[in-house]
């Protein structure tokens, strides 16, 4: 009395995932993921510090040198000179223009000269 199409599907070996009670490789598997592999890095601030390896995948912390590769052009651009505060470098063009003078004081301008 079963439906003819339903029987032919079972004969061919096709069943839905719900019928078999199997998990799929996709959506239902992603629900099981709750452990964290990476956490925030102390040096670069990205969530790239691997908790088991104890190494940042972005900057290479705790290594002394910053992780940097020429095959990643965008990666270099994100953290090159000019992307931060540049506390020292931003005053260089002005200081160069004046010949890196130090210890002098500008002469007072009088009202007559202007």
Protein backbone atom coordinates (compact mmCIF):
# COMPACT_ATOMS: atom_id res chain seq x y z
CA UNK A 1 0.00 0.00 0.00
CA UNK A 2 3.07 2.27 0.13
CA UNK A 3 3.44 5.01 -2.42
CA UNK A 4 5.21 3.69 -5.54
CA UNK A 5 7.68 6.56 -5.71
CA UNK A 6 8.64 6.22 -2.03
CA UNK A 7 9.32 2.50 -2.45
CA UNK A 8 11.46 3.02 -5.54
CA UNK A 9 13.54 5.61 -3.68
CA UNK A 10 14.26 3.15 -0.86
CA UNK A 11 15.11 0.39 -3.32
CA UNK A 12 17.67 2.66 -5.00
CA UNK A 13 19.23 3.39 -1.57
CA UNK A 14 18.25 7.05 -1.24
CA UNK A 15 17.03 8.32 2.10
CA UNK A 16 16.89 11.78 3.61
CA UNK A 17 19.32 12.67 6.38
CA UNK A 18 16.44 12.95 8.85
CA UNK A 19 15.32 9.36 8.11
CA UNK A 20 18.74 7.87 8.75
CA UNK A 21 19.47 10.09 11.76
CA UNK A 22 22.88 11.02 10.27
CA UNK A 23 24.55 14.38 10.62
CA UNK A 24 25.54 16.24 7.51
CA UNK A 25 28.94 17.75 6.90
CA UNK A 26 27.55 21.28 6.79
CA UNK A 27 25.03 23.23 8.83
CA UNK A 28 24.41 20.75 11.64
CA UNK A 29 28.15 20.19 12.16
CA UNK A 30 28.80 23.91 12.65
CA UNK A 31 26.48 23.92 15.65
CA UNK A 32 28.92 21.74 17.57
CA UNK A 33 31.72 24.27 17.47
CA UNK A 34 32.10 26.11 20.76
CA UNK A 35 35.76 25.95 21.72
CA UNK A 36 37.98 28.88 20.83
CA UNK A 37 41.21 28.31 18.92
CA UNK A 38 42.37 31.94 18.87
CA UNK A 39 42.14 34.78 21.36
CA UNK A 40 43.25 38.43 21.37
CA UNK A 41 46.96 39.06 20.85
CA UNK A 42 48.78 41.36 23.30
CA UNK A 43 50.93 42.94 20.59
CA UNK A 44 48.71 43.44 17.52
CA UNK A 45 45.27 43.30 19.16
CA UNK A 46 43.83 40.89 16.60
CA UNK A 47 42.01 37.70 17.59
CA UNK A 48 44.89 35.66 16.15
CA UNK A 49 46.77 34.33 19.17
CA UNK A 50 46.60 30.51 19.06
CA UNK A 51 45.83 29.21 22.53
CA UNK A 52 47.54 25.82 22.14
CA UNK A 53 50.51 26.92 20.05
CA UNK A 54 50.91 30.15 22.09
CA UNK A 55 51.86 32.04 18.90
CA UNK A 56 50.02 34.85 17.10
CA UNK A 57 49.22 33.93 13.50
CA UNK A 58 49.16 37.60 12.49
CA UNK A 59 52.20 39.24 14.09
CA UNK A 60 54.19 36.23 15.32
CA UNK A 61 54.14 37.21 19.02
CA UNK A 62 55.98 36.19 21.27
CA UNK A 63 58.73 36.26 18.62
CA UNK A 64 60.96 39.32 18.80
CA UNK A 65 60.48 40.17 15.11
CA UNK A 66 57.15 41.11 13.59
CA UNK A 67 55.74 38.48 11.22
CA UNK A 68 55.96 39.94 7.72
CA UNK A 69 56.00 38.40 4.24
CA UNK A 70 56.35 39.99 0.83
CA UNK A 71 53.85 37.57 -0.71
CA UNK A 72 51.10 39.37 1.19
CA UNK A 73 51.01 42.86 -0.26
CA UNK A 74 47.87 43.86 1.64
CA UNK A 75 49.29 42.52 4.90
CA UNK A 76 52.34 44.78 4.51
CA UNK A 77 50.14 47.76 3.67
CA UNK A 78 48.02 47.30 6.80
CA UNK A 79 50.94 47.63 9.20
CA UNK A 80 53.63 49.66 7.46
CA UNK A 81 55.02 53.10 8.36
CA UNK A 82 52.29 55.71 8.38
CA UNK A 83 49.51 53.51 9.71
CA UNK A 84 50.14 54.43 13.36
CA UNK A 85 50.76 57.65 15.28
CA UNK A 86 54.25 58.25 13.82
CA UNK A 87 55.28 60.26 16.91
CA UNK A 88 58.82 60.67 15.60
CA UNK A 89 58.42 60.53 11.83
CA UNK A 90 55.64 63.09 11.47
CA UNK A 91 57.92 65.93 12.55
CA UNK A 92 60.79 64.95 10.20
CA UNK A 93 59.82 66.93 7.05
CA UNK A 94 59.57 70.15 9.08
CA UNK A 95 62.83 69.53 10.92
CA UNK A 96 64.61 68.65 7.67
CA UNK A 97 63.37 71.87 6.07
CA UNK A 98 64.98 73.84 8.90
CA UNK A 99 68.25 71.90 8.83
CA UNK A 100 67.62 69.98 12.07
CA UNK A 101 68.41 73.08 14.17
CA UNK A 102 68.22 72.70 17.94
CA UNK A 103 68.67 74.92 20.98
CA UNK A 104 67.81 78.18 19.19
CA UNK A 105 64.89 80.54 19.61
CA UNK A 106 63.03 82.53 16.98
CA UNK A 107 63.64 86.31 16.93
CA UNK A 108 60.78 88.45 18.18
CA UNK A 109 58.88 90.19 15.42
CA UNK A 110 58.15 93.89 15.90
CA UNK A 111 54.97 95.64 14.75
CA UNK A 112 56.94 97.91 12.38
CA UNK A 113 58.37 95.07 10.31
CA UNK A 114 54.96 93.54 9.49
